[in-house]
Amino acid sequence: MARPRTLSDDELLDRIDAALSARIAQATPGSWSLHDVGPAVGMSPAGLLKRFGSKDGLLHALARRWIARIPTAPAGEQPLDELRAYVAASFGAPSDAAAVYALGEVL
């Protein structure tokens, strides 16, 4: 019998997102693996594989989540200010080096 999940998918993706963001903030060079992310989120790499199927599956889950968070319309009367605030909160980098590294990872 399988153990019950202790984390929801949203909680797990929150932790994965934070772990990857921490790597970017530290300007950690090179690509990452499930072995890097697993301990940071409290799961083994095998547990992540079981949950998401692959590293690509994990990235697809994160991408779907990020896309779902994009506002579909302005909430108030200052749409440009809202857009600037959204971009700064969602994609702001602590340094130029971190921003360049993050762009490289996305590409």
PDB file of N, CA and C in Angstrom:
ATOM      1  N   MET A   1       0.841  -1.174   0.000  1.00  0.00           N
ATOM      2  CA  MET A   1       0.000   0.000   0.000  1.00  0.00           C
ATOM      3  C   MET A   1       0.891   1.244   0.000  1.00  0.00           C
ATOM      4  N   ALA A   2       0.541   2.222  -0.793  1.00  0.00           N
ATOM      5  CA  ALA A   2       1.322   3.456  -0.915  1.00  0.00           C
ATOM      6  C   ALA A   2       1.105   4.347   0.297  1.00  0.00           C
ATOM      7  N   ARG A   3       2.175   5.062   0.649  1.00  0.00           N
ATOM      8  CA  ARG A   3       2.053   6.036   1.740  1.00  0.00           C
ATOM      9  C   ARG A   3       1.213   7.210   1.272  1.00  0.00           C
ATOM     10  N   PRO A   4       0.429   7.771   2.178  1.00  0.00           N
ATOM     11  CA  PRO A   4      -0.351   8.954   1.782  1.00  0.00           C
ATOM     12  C   PRO A   4       0.569  10.153   1.551  1.00  0.00           C
ATOM     13  N   ARG A   5       0.190  11.011   0.638  1.00  0.00           N
ATOM     14  CA  ARG A   5       0.973  12.215   0.354  1.00  0.00           C
ATOM     15  C   ARG A   5       0.851  13.176   1.527  1.00  0.00           C
ATOM     16  N   THR A   6       1.988  13.711   1.932  1.00  0.00           N
ATOM     17  CA  THR A   6       1.968  14.679   3.023  1.00  0.00           C
ATOM     18  C   THR A   6       1.911  16.111   2.500  1.00  0.00           C
ATOM     19  N   LEU A   7       2.275  16.297   1.243  1.00  0.00           N
ATOM     20  CA  LEU A   7       2.241  17.622   0.618  1.00  0.00           C
ATOM     21  C   LEU A   7       1.318  17.598  -0.587  1.00  0.00           C
ATOM     22  N   SER A   8       0.516  18.630  -0.729  1.00  0.00           N
ATOM     23  CA  SER A   8      -0.288  18.757  -1.943  1.00  0.00           C
ATOM     24  C   SER A   8       0.641  19.149  -3.092  1.00  0.00           C
ATOM     25  N   ASP A   9       0.139  19.009  -4.308  1.00  0.00           N
ATOM     26  CA  ASP A   9       0.951  19.417  -5.464  1.00  0.00           C
ATOM     27  C   ASP A   9       1.311  20.890  -5.383  1.00  0.00           C
ATOM     28  N   ASP A  10       0.357  21.731  -4.951  1.00  0.00           N
ATOM     29  CA  ASP A  10       0.641  23.167  -4.840  1.00  0.00           C
ATOM     30  C   ASP A  10       1.742  23.438  -3.814  1.00  0.00           C
ATOM     31  N   GLU A  11       1.687  22.765  -2.666  1.00  0.00           N
ATOM     32  CA  GLU A  11       2.722  22.963  -1.646  1.00  0.00           C
ATOM     33  C   GLU A  11       4.080  22.496  -2.158  1.00  0.00           C
ATOM     34  N   LEU A  12       4.095  21.371  -2.840  1.00  0.00           N
ATOM     35  CA  LEU A  12       5.344  20.850  -3.377  1.00  0.00           C
ATOM     36  C   LEU A  12       5.901  21.773  -4.454  1.00  0.00           C
ATOM     37  N   LEU A  13       5.042  22.268  -5.339  1.00  0.00           N
ATOM     38  CA  LEU A  13       5.513  23.191  -6.374  1.00  0.00           C
ATOM     39  C   LEU A  13       5.982  24.511  -5.769  1.00  0.00           C
ATOM     40  N   ASP A  14       5.362  24.953  -4.667  1.00  0.00           N
ATOM     41  CA  ASP A  14       5.856  26.135  -3.950  1.00  0.00           C
ATOM     42  C   ASP A  14       7.291  25.912  -3.499  1.00  0.00           C
ATOM     43  N   ARG A  15       7.548  24.747  -2.925  1.00  0.00           N
ATOM     44  CA  ARG A  15       8.902  24.436  -2.430  1.00  0.00           C
ATOM     45  C   ARG A  15       9.899  24.316  -3.577  1.00  0.00           C
ATOM     46  N   ILE A  16       9.494  23.676  -4.658  1.00  0.00           N
ATOM     47  CA  ILE A  16      10.387  23.525  -5.812  1.00  0.00           C
ATOM     48  C   ILE A  16      10.701  24.898  -6.407  1.00  0.00           C
ATOM     49  N   ASP A  17       9.683  25.719  -6.546  1.00  0.00           N
ATOM     50  CA  ASP A  17       9.868  27.075  -7.067  1.00  0.00           C
ATOM     51  C   ASP A  17      10.841  27.856  -6.186  1.00  0.00           C
ATOM     52  N   ALA A  18      10.684  27.745  -4.872  1.00  0.00           N
ATOM     53  CA  ALA A  18      11.582  28.444  -3.942  1.00  0.00           C
ATOM     54  C   ALA A  18      13.007  27.907  -4.053  1.00  0.00           C
ATOM     55  N   ALA A  19      13.159  26.599  -4.190  1.00  0.00           N
ATOM     56  CA  ALA A  19      14.499  26.005  -4.307  1.00  0.00           C
ATOM     57  C   ALA A  19      15.196  26.463  -5.584  1.00  0.00           C
ATOM     58  N   LEU A  20      14.453  26.491  -6.697  1.00  0.00           N
ATOM     59  CA  LEU A  20      15.046  26.949  -7.949  1.00  0.00           C
ATOM     60  C   LEU A  20      15.340  28.445  -7.902  1.00  0.00           C
ATOM     61  N   SER A  21      14.473  29.210  -7.272  1.00  0.00           N
ATOM     62  CA  SER A  21      14.708  30.654  -7.124  1.00  0.00           C
ATOM     63  C   SER A  21      15.945  30.909  -6.268  1.00  0.00           C
ATOM     64  N   ALA A  22      16.156  30.097  -5.240  1.00  0.00           N
ATOM     65  CA  ALA A  22      17.338  30.251  -4.387  1.00  0.00           C
ATOM     66  C   ALA A  22      18.609  29.985  -5.190  1.00  0.00           C
ATOM     67  N   ARG A  23      18.561  28.992  -6.073  1.00  0.00           N
ATOM     68  CA  ARG A  23      19.728  28.719  -6.931  1.00  0.00           C
ATOM     69  C   ARG A  23      20.027  29.927  -7.811  1.00  0.00           C
ATOM     70  N   ILE A  24      18.975  30.550  -8.345  1.00  0.00           N
ATOM     71  CA  ILE A  24      19.154  31.711  -9.205  1.00  0.00           C
ATOM     72  C   ILE A  24      19.694  32.883  -8.393  1.00  0.00           C
ATOM     73  N   ALA A  25      19.146  33.083  -7.195  1.00  0.00           N
ATOM     74  CA  ALA A  25      19.589  34.193  -6.348  1.00  0.00           C
ATOM     75  C   ALA A  25      21.057  34.055  -5.981  1.00  0.00           C
ATOM     76  N   GLN A  26      21.519  32.821  -5.835  1.00  0.00           N
ATOM     77  CA  GLN A  26      22.922  32.577  -5.488  1.00  0.00           C
ATOM     78  C   GLN A  26      23.800  32.519  -6.728  1.00  0.00           C
ATOM     79  N   ALA A  27      23.179  32.686  -7.903  1.00  0.00           N
ATOM     80  CA  ALA A  27      23.883  32.600  -9.183  1.00  0.00           C
ATOM     81  C   ALA A  27      24.686  31.303  -9.265  1.00  0.00           C
ATOM     82  N   THR A  28      24.039  30.200  -8.850  1.00  0.00           N
ATOM     83  CA  THR A  28      24.673  28.887  -8.903  1.00  0.00           C
ATOM     84  C   THR A  28      24.833  28.490 -10.362  1.00  0.00           C
ATOM     85  N   PRO A  29      26.069  28.290 -10.805  1.00  0.00           N
ATOM     86  CA  PRO A  29      26.288  27.976 -12.216  1.00  0.00           C
ATOM     87  C   PRO A  29      25.867  26.548 -12.559  1.00  0.00           C
ATOM     88  N   GLY A  30      25.586  26.354 -13.832  1.00  0.00           N
ATOM     89  CA  GLY A  30      25.287  25.020 -14.323  1.00  0.00           C
ATOM     90  C   GLY A  30      23.825  24.655 -14.209  1.00  0.00           C
ATOM     91  N   SER A  31      23.496  23.546 -14.836  1.00  0.00           N
ATOM     92  CA  SER A  31      22.121  23.079 -14.795  1.00  0.00           C
ATOM     93  C   SER A  31      21.843  22.409 -13.459  1.00  0.00           C
ATOM     94  N   TRP A  32      20.606  22.111 -13.197  1.00  0.00           N
ATOM     95  CA  TRP A  32      20.217  21.482 -11.947  1.00  0.00           C
ATOM     96  C   TRP A  32      19.599  20.121 -12.245  1.00  0.00           C
ATOM     97  N   SER A  33      19.556  19.304 -11.230  1.00  0.00           N
ATOM     98  CA  SER A  33      18.971  17.980 -11.377  1.00  0.00           C
ATOM     99  C   SER A  33      17.968  17.744 -10.256  1.00  0.00           C
ATOM    100  N   LEU A  34      17.251  16.651 -10.339  1.00  0.00           N
ATOM    101  CA  LEU A  34      16.330  16.291  -9.270  1.00  0.00           C
ATOM    102  C   LEU A  34      17.088  16.004  -7.980  1.00  0.00           C
ATOM    103  N   HIS A  35      18.354  15.602  -8.102  1.00  0.00           N
ATOM    104  CA  HIS A  35      19.192  15.384  -6.918  1.00  0.00           C
ATOM    105  C   HIS A  35      19.490  16.694  -6.203  1.00  0.00           C
ATOM    106  N   ASP A  36      19.513  17.805  -6.930  1.00  0.00           N
ATOM    107  CA  ASP A  36      19.717  19.117  -6.317  1.00  0.00           C
ATOM    108  C   ASP A  36      18.440  19.622  -5.652  1.00  0.00           C
ATOM    109  N   VAL A  37      17.314  19.428  -6.310  1.00  0.00           N
ATOM    110  CA  VAL A  37      16.048  19.975  -5.839  1.00  0.00           C
ATOM    111  C   VAL A  37      15.424  19.107  -4.752  1.00  0.00           C
ATOM    112  N   GLY A  38      15.537  17.805  -4.879  1.00  0.00           N
ATOM    113  CA  GLY A  38      14.886  16.880  -3.945  1.00  0.00           C
ATOM    114  C   GLY A  38      15.128  17.194  -2.481  1.00  0.00           C
ATOM    115  N   PRO A  39      16.377  17.234  -2.034  1.00  0.00           N
ATOM    116  CA  PRO A  39      16.626  17.511  -0.612  1.00  0.00           C
ATOM    117  C   PRO A  39      16.125  18.893  -0.178  1.00  0.00           C
ATOM    118  N   ALA A  40      16.158  19.855  -1.081  1.00  0.00           N
ATOM    119  CA  ALA A  40      15.708  21.205  -0.744  1.00  0.00           C
ATOM    120  C   ALA A  40      14.205  21.260  -0.508  1.00  0.00           C
ATOM    121  N   VAL A  41      13.462  20.331  -1.096  1.00  0.00           N
ATOM    122  CA  VAL A  41      12.010  20.326  -0.932  1.00  0.00           C
ATOM    123  C   VAL A  41      11.530  19.223   0.004  1.00  0.00           C
ATOM    124  N   GLY A  42      12.472  18.430   0.523  1.00  0.00           N
ATOM    125  CA  GLY A  42      12.105  17.378   1.475  1.00  0.00           C
ATOM    126  C   GLY A  42      11.638  16.090   0.838  1.00  0.00           C
ATOM    127  N   MET A  43      12.066  15.845  -0.391  1.00  0.00           N
ATOM    128  CA  MET A  43      11.723  14.599  -1.080  1.00  0.00           C
ATOM    129  C   MET A  43      12.960  14.026  -1.731  1.00  0.00           C
ATOM    130  N   SER A  44      12.924  12.736  -1.961  1.00  0.00           N
ATOM    131  CA  SER A  44      14.015  12.104  -2.694  1.00  0.00           C
ATOM    132  C   SER A  44      13.816  12.349  -4.184  1.00  0.00           C
ATOM    133  N   PRO A  45      14.894  12.250  -4.968  1.00  0.00           N
ATOM    134  CA  PRO A  45      14.729  12.369  -6.420  1.00  0.00           C
ATOM    135  C   PRO A  45      13.734  11.331  -6.957  1.00  0.00           C
ATOM    136  N   ALA A  46      13.753  10.125  -6.389  1.00  0.00           N
ATOM    137  CA  ALA A  46      12.818   9.084  -6.823  1.00  0.00           C
ATOM    138  C   ALA A  46      11.368   9.495  -6.530  1.00  0.00           C
ATOM    139  N   GLY A  47      11.158  10.150  -5.394  1.00  0.00           N
ATOM    140  CA  GLY A  47       9.821  10.637  -5.059  1.00  0.00           C
ATOM    141  C   GLY A  47       9.339  11.684  -6.042  1.00  0.00           C
ATOM    142  N   LEU A  48      10.255  12.563  -6.457  1.00  0.00           N
ATOM    143  CA  LEU A  48       9.894  13.575  -7.454  1.00  0.00           C
ATOM    144  C   LEU A  48       9.578  12.926  -8.799  1.00  0.00           C
ATOM    145  N   LEU A  49      10.360  11.894  -9.160  1.00  0.00           N
ATOM    146  CA  LEU A  49      10.090  11.180 -10.409  1.00  0.00           C
ATOM    147  C   LEU A  49       8.729  10.502 -10.362  1.00  0.00           C
ATOM    148  N   LYS A  50       8.421   9.904  -9.215  1.00  0.00           N
ATOM    149  CA  LYS A  50       7.131   9.232  -9.086  1.00  0.00           C
ATOM    150  C   LYS A  50       5.987  10.244  -9.200  1.00  0.00           C
ATOM    151  N   ARG A  51       6.195  11.419  -8.647  1.00  0.00           N
ATOM    152  CA  ARG A  51       5.142  12.443  -8.627  1.00  0.00           C
ATOM    153  C   ARG A  51       4.961  13.108  -9.979  1.00  0.00           C
ATOM    154  N   PHE A  52       6.075  13.413 -10.673  1.00  0.00           N
ATOM    155  CA  PHE A  52       6.002  14.193 -11.908  1.00  0.00           C
ATOM    156  C   PHE A  52       6.388  13.414 -13.169  1.00  0.00           C
ATOM    157  N   GLY A  53       6.932  12.233 -13.015  1.00  0.00           N
ATOM    158  CA  GLY A  53       7.290  11.402 -14.166  1.00  0.00           C
ATOM    159  C   GLY A  53       8.688  11.641 -14.700  1.00  0.00           C
ATOM    160  N   SER A  54       9.154  12.874 -14.659  1.00  0.00           N
ATOM    161  CA  SER A  54      10.485  13.224 -15.162  1.00  0.00           C
ATOM    162  C   SER A  54      10.790  14.667 -14.771  1.00  0.00           C
ATOM    163  N   LYS A  55      12.017  15.089 -15.044  1.00  0.00           N
ATOM    164  CA  LYS A  55      12.369  16.489 -14.830  1.00  0.00           C
ATOM    165  C   LYS A  55      11.530  17.375 -15.743  1.00  0.00           C
ATOM    166  N   ASP A  56      11.314  16.927 -16.971  1.00  0.00           N
ATOM    167  CA  ASP A  56      10.458  17.679 -17.897  1.00  0.00           C
ATOM    168  C   ASP A  56       9.038  17.791 -17.362  1.00  0.00           C
ATOM    169  N   GLY A  57       8.525  16.720 -16.772  1.00  0.00           N
ATOM    170  CA  GLY A  57       7.184  16.754 -16.190  1.00  0.00           C
ATOM    171  C   GLY A  57       7.091  17.769 -15.065  1.00  0.00           C
ATOM    172  N   LEU A  58       8.146  17.838 -14.263  1.00  0.00           N
ATOM    173  CA  LEU A  58       8.196  18.824 -13.182  1.00  0.00           C
ATOM    174  C   LEU A  58       8.205  20.235 -13.761  1.00  0.00           C
ATOM    175  N   LEU A  59       9.006  20.463 -14.788  1.00  0.00           N
ATOM    176  CA  LEU A  59       9.068  21.781 -15.425  1.00  0.00           C
ATOM    177  C   LEU A  59       7.739  22.151 -16.076  1.00  0.00           C
ATOM    178  N   HIS A  60       7.057  21.177 -16.658  1.00  0.00           N
ATOM    179  CA  HIS A  60       5.740  21.447 -17.243  1.00  0.00           C
ATOM    180  C   HIS A  60       4.738  21.843 -16.163  1.00  0.00           C
ATOM    181  N   ALA A  61       4.790  21.164 -15.014  1.00  0.00           N
ATOM    182  CA  ALA A  61       3.884  21.508 -13.907  1.00  0.00           C
ATOM    183  C   ALA A  61       4.153  22.927 -13.424  1.00  0.00           C
ATOM    184  N   LEU A  62       5.440  23.291 -13.305  1.00  0.00           N
ATOM    185  CA  LEU A  62       5.779  24.660 -12.904  1.00  0.00           C
ATOM    186  C   LEU A  62       5.317  25.667 -13.954  1.00  0.00           C
ATOM    187  N   ALA A  63       5.537  25.363 -15.220  1.00  0.00           N
ATOM    188  CA  ALA A  63       5.143  26.289 -16.294  1.00  0.00           C
ATOM    189  C   ALA A  63       3.636  26.493 -16.315  1.00  0.00           C
ATOM    190  N   ARG A  64       2.862  25.403 -16.167  1.00  0.00           N
ATOM    191  CA  ARG A  64       1.399  25.540 -16.139  1.00  0.00           C
ATOM    192  C   ARG A  64       0.973  26.421 -14.969  1.00  0.00           C
ATOM    193  N   ARG A  65       1.649  26.254 -13.851  1.00  0.00           N
ATOM    194  CA  ARG A  65       1.330  27.036 -12.657  1.00  0.00           C
ATOM    195  C   ARG A  65       1.657  28.511 -12.869  1.00  0.00           C
ATOM    196  N   TRP A  66       2.815  28.792 -13.454  1.00  0.00           N
ATOM    197  CA  TRP A  66       3.206  30.181 -13.702  1.00  0.00           C
ATOM    198  C   TRP A  66       2.238  30.826 -14.693  1.00  0.00           C
ATOM    199  N   ILE A  67       1.855  30.102 -15.729  1.00  0.00           N
ATOM    200  CA  ILE A  67       0.929  30.638 -16.727  1.00  0.00           C
ATOM    201  C   ILE A  67      -0.425  30.937 -16.091  1.00  0.00           C
ATOM    202  N   ALA A  68      -0.873  30.046 -15.209  1.00  0.00           N
ATOM    203  CA  ALA A  68      -2.169  30.244 -14.555  1.00  0.00           C
ATOM    204  C   ALA A  68      -2.180  31.498 -13.679  1.00  0.00           C
ATOM    205  N   ARG A  69      -1.016  31.923 -13.220  1.00  0.00           N
ATOM    206  CA  ARG A  69      -0.937  33.096 -12.346  1.00  0.00           C
ATOM    207  C   ARG A  69      -0.888  34.418 -13.098  1.00  0.00           C
ATOM    208  N   ILE A  70      -0.767  34.376 -14.416  1.00  0.00           N
ATOM    209  CA  ILE A  70      -0.709  35.608 -15.201  1.00  0.00           C
ATOM    210  C   ILE A  70      -2.089  36.249 -15.183  1.00  0.00           C
ATOM    211  N   PRO A  71      -2.174  37.499 -14.783  1.00  0.00           N
ATOM    212  CA  PRO A  71      -3.487  38.166 -14.768  1.00  0.00           C
ATOM    213  C   PRO A  71      -4.076  38.231 -16.171  1.00  0.00           C
ATOM    214  N   THR A  72      -5.383  38.059 -16.249  1.00  0.00           N
ATOM    215  CA  THR A  72      -6.048  38.102 -17.554  1.00  0.00           C
ATOM    216  C   THR A  72      -6.606  39.480 -17.875  1.00  0.00           C
ATOM    217  N   ALA A  73      -6.720  40.334 -16.852  1.00  0.00           N
ATOM    218  CA  ALA A  73      -7.242  41.684 -17.077  1.00  0.00           C
ATOM    219  C   ALA A  73      -6.785  42.565 -15.919  1.00  0.00           C
ATOM    220  N   PRO A  74      -6.751  43.862 -16.139  1.00  0.00           N
ATOM    221  CA  PRO A  74      -6.390  44.772 -15.047  1.00  0.00           C
ATOM    222  C   PRO A  74      -7.399  44.678 -13.900  1.00  0.00           C
ATOM    223  N   ALA A  75      -6.903  44.825 -12.681  1.00  0.00           N
ATOM    224  CA  ALA A  75      -7.782  44.778 -11.509  1.00  0.00           C
ATOM    225  C   ALA A  75      -8.280  46.173 -11.136  1.00  0.00           C
ATOM    226  N   GLY A  76      -7.567  47.195 -11.573  1.00  0.00           N
ATOM    227  CA  GLY A  76      -7.944  48.557 -11.197  1.00  0.00           C
ATOM    228  C   GLY A  76      -7.852  49.503 -12.375  1.00  0.00           C
ATOM    229  N   GLU A  77      -7.622  50.763 -12.038  1.00  0.00           N
ATOM    230  CA  GLU A  77      -7.612  51.791 -13.072  1.00  0.00           C
ATOM    231  C   GLU A  77      -6.214  52.155 -13.553  1.00  0.00           C
ATOM    232  N   GLN A  78      -5.198  51.483 -13.041  1.00  0.00           N
ATOM    233  CA  GLN A  78      -3.825  51.759 -13.443  1.00  0.00           C
ATOM    234  C   GLN A  78      -3.185  50.487 -14.016  1.00  0.00           C
ATOM    235  N   PRO A  79      -3.602  50.027 -15.190  1.00  0.00           N
ATOM    236  CA  PRO A  79      -3.103  48.756 -15.716  1.00  0.00           C
ATOM    237  C   PRO A  79      -1.589  48.723 -15.924  1.00  0.00           C
ATOM    238  N   LEU A  80      -0.987  49.826 -16.330  1.00  0.00           N
ATOM    239  CA  LEU A  80       0.457  49.852 -16.542  1.00  0.00           C
ATOM    240  C   LEU A  80       1.195  49.658 -15.225  1.00  0.00           C
ATOM    241  N   ASP A  81       0.734  50.318 -14.164  1.00  0.00           N
ATOM    242  CA  ASP A  81       1.354  50.142 -12.852  1.00  0.00           C
ATOM    243  C   ASP A  81       1.170  48.708 -12.353  1.00  0.00           C
ATOM    244  N   GLU A  82      -0.010  48.139 -12.596  1.00  0.00           N
ATOM    245  CA  GLU A  82      -0.259  46.750 -12.199  1.00  0.00           C
ATOM    246  C   GLU A  82       0.674  45.805 -12.934  1.00  0.00           C
ATOM    247  N   LEU A  83       0.850  46.036 -14.234  1.00  0.00           N
ATOM    248  CA  LEU A  83       1.733  45.186 -15.025  1.00  0.00           C
ATOM    249  C   LEU A  83       3.171  45.289 -14.530  1.00  0.00           C
ATOM    250  N   ARG A  84       3.629  46.501 -14.269  1.00  0.00           N
ATOM    251  CA  ARG A  84       4.993  46.684 -13.759  1.00  0.00           C
ATOM    252  C   ARG A  84       5.174  45.978 -12.419  1.00  0.00           C
ATOM    253  N   ALA A  85       4.197  46.095 -11.529  1.00  0.00           N
ATOM    254  CA  ALA A  85       4.272  45.440 -10.217  1.00  0.00           C
ATOM    255  C   ALA A  85       4.274  43.927 -10.372  1.00  0.00           C
ATOM    256  N   TYR A  86       3.445  43.411 -11.280  1.00  0.00           N
ATOM    257  CA  TYR A  86       3.400  41.961 -11.513  1.00  0.00           C
ATOM    258  C   TYR A  86       4.739  41.449 -12.031  1.00  0.00           C
ATOM    259  N   VAL A  87       5.301  42.144 -13.015  1.00  0.00           N
ATOM    260  CA  VAL A  87       6.577  41.712 -13.586  1.00  0.00           C
ATOM    261  C   VAL A  87       7.680  41.780 -12.533  1.00  0.00           C
ATOM    262  N   ALA A  88       7.724  42.851 -11.752  1.00  0.00           N
ATOM    263  CA  ALA A  88       8.749  42.978 -10.711  1.00  0.00           C
ATOM    264  C   ALA A  88       8.616  41.871  -9.670  1.00  0.00           C
ATOM    265  N   ALA A  89       7.393  41.559  -9.251  1.00  0.00           N
ATOM    266  CA  ALA A  89       7.174  40.529  -8.235  1.00  0.00           C
ATOM    267  C   ALA A  89       7.435  39.131  -8.771  1.00  0.00           C
ATOM    268  N   SER A  90       7.077  38.895 -10.019  1.00  0.00           N
ATOM    269  CA  SER A  90       7.173  37.548 -10.575  1.00  0.00           C
ATOM    270  C   SER A  90       8.532  37.230 -11.185  1.00  0.00           C
ATOM    271  N   PHE A  91       9.197  38.243 -11.722  1.00  0.00           N
ATOM    272  CA  PHE A  91      10.408  37.979 -12.479  1.00  0.00           C
ATOM    273  C   PHE A  91      11.603  38.803 -12.027  1.00  0.00           C
ATOM    274  N   GLY A  92      11.454  39.560 -10.963  1.00  0.00           N
ATOM    275  CA  GLY A  92      12.549  40.378 -10.470  1.00  0.00           C
ATOM    276  C   GLY A  92      13.713  39.506 -10.012  1.00  0.00           C
ATOM    277  N   ALA A  93      14.896  39.938 -10.285  1.00  0.00           N
ATOM    278  CA  ALA A  93      16.098  39.206  -9.873  1.00  0.00           C
ATOM    279  C   ALA A  93      16.886  40.066  -8.903  1.00  0.00           C
ATOM    280  N   PRO A  94      17.534  39.431  -7.922  1.00  0.00           N
ATOM    281  CA  PRO A  94      18.277  40.203  -6.929  1.00  0.00           C
ATOM    282  C   PRO A  94      19.519  40.897  -7.487  1.00  0.00           C
ATOM    283  N   SER A  95      19.978  40.451  -8.645  1.00  0.00           N
ATOM    284  CA  SER A  95      21.156  41.089  -9.248  1.00  0.00           C
ATOM    285  C   SER A  95      21.111  40.877 -10.755  1.00  0.00           C
ATOM    286  N   ASP A  96      21.951  41.625 -11.468  1.00  0.00           N
ATOM    287  CA  ASP A  96      22.027  41.453 -12.913  1.00  0.00           C
ATOM    288  C   ASP A  96      22.520  40.053 -13.258  1.00  0.00           C
ATOM    289  N   ALA A  97      23.496  39.546 -12.491  1.00  0.00           N
ATOM    290  CA  ALA A  97      24.032  38.205 -12.748  1.00  0.00           C
ATOM    291  C   ALA A  97      22.940  37.152 -12.589  1.00  0.00           C
ATOM    292  N   ALA A  98      22.106  37.295 -11.574  1.00  0.00           N
ATOM    293  CA  ALA A  98      21.021  36.342 -11.358  1.00  0.00           C
ATOM    294  C   ALA A  98      20.012  36.417 -12.500  1.00  0.00           C
ATOM    295  N   ALA A  99      19.750  37.615 -13.001  1.00  0.00           N
ATOM    296  CA  ALA A  99      18.812  37.770 -14.112  1.00  0.00           C
ATOM    297  C   ALA A  99      19.358  37.103 -15.371  1.00  0.00           C
ATOM    298  N   VAL A 100      20.634  37.285 -15.650  1.00  0.00           N
ATOM    299  CA  VAL A 100      21.258  36.664 -16.821  1.00  0.00           C
ATOM    300  C   VAL A 100      21.247  35.152 -16.679  1.00  0.00           C
ATOM    301  N   TYR A 101      21.564  34.651 -15.488  1.00  0.00           N
ATOM    302  CA  TYR A 101      21.559  33.217 -15.254  1.00  0.00           C
ATOM    303  C   TYR A 101      20.148  32.653 -15.463  1.00  0.00           C
ATOM    304  N   ALA A 102      19.133  33.327 -14.919  1.00  0.00           N
ATOM    305  CA  ALA A 102      17.755  32.863 -15.044  1.00  0.00           C
ATOM    306  C   ALA A 102      17.339  32.827 -16.511  1.00  0.00           C
ATOM    307  N   LEU A 103      17.715  33.840 -17.278  1.00  0.00           N
ATOM    308  CA  LEU A 103      17.393  33.865 -18.695  1.00  0.00           C
ATOM    309  C   LEU A 103      18.051  32.685 -19.412  1.00  0.00           C
ATOM    310  N   GLY A 104      19.281  32.384 -19.056  1.00  0.00           N
ATOM    311  CA  GLY A 104      19.970  31.228 -19.631  1.00  0.00           C
ATOM    312  C   GLY A 104      19.261  29.926 -19.315  1.00  0.00           C
ATOM    313  N   GLU A 105      18.776  29.784 -18.101  1.00  0.00           N
ATOM    314  CA  GLU A 105      18.048  28.579 -17.724  1.00  0.00           C
ATOM    315  C   GLU A 105      16.746  28.452 -18.503  1.00  0.00           C
ATOM    316  N   VAL A 106      16.060  29.559 -18.702  1.00  0.00           N
ATOM    317  CA  VAL A 106      14.810  29.525 -19.450  1.00  0.00           C
ATOM    318  C   VAL A 106      15.070  29.116 -20.900  1.00  0.00           C
ATOM    319  N   LEU A 107      16.135  29.659 -21.503  1.00  0.00           N
ATOM    320  CA  LEU A 107      16.443  29.326 -22.904  1.00  0.00           C
ATOM    321  C   LEU A 107      16.869  27.886 -23.007  1.00  0.00           C
TER     322      LEU A 107
END
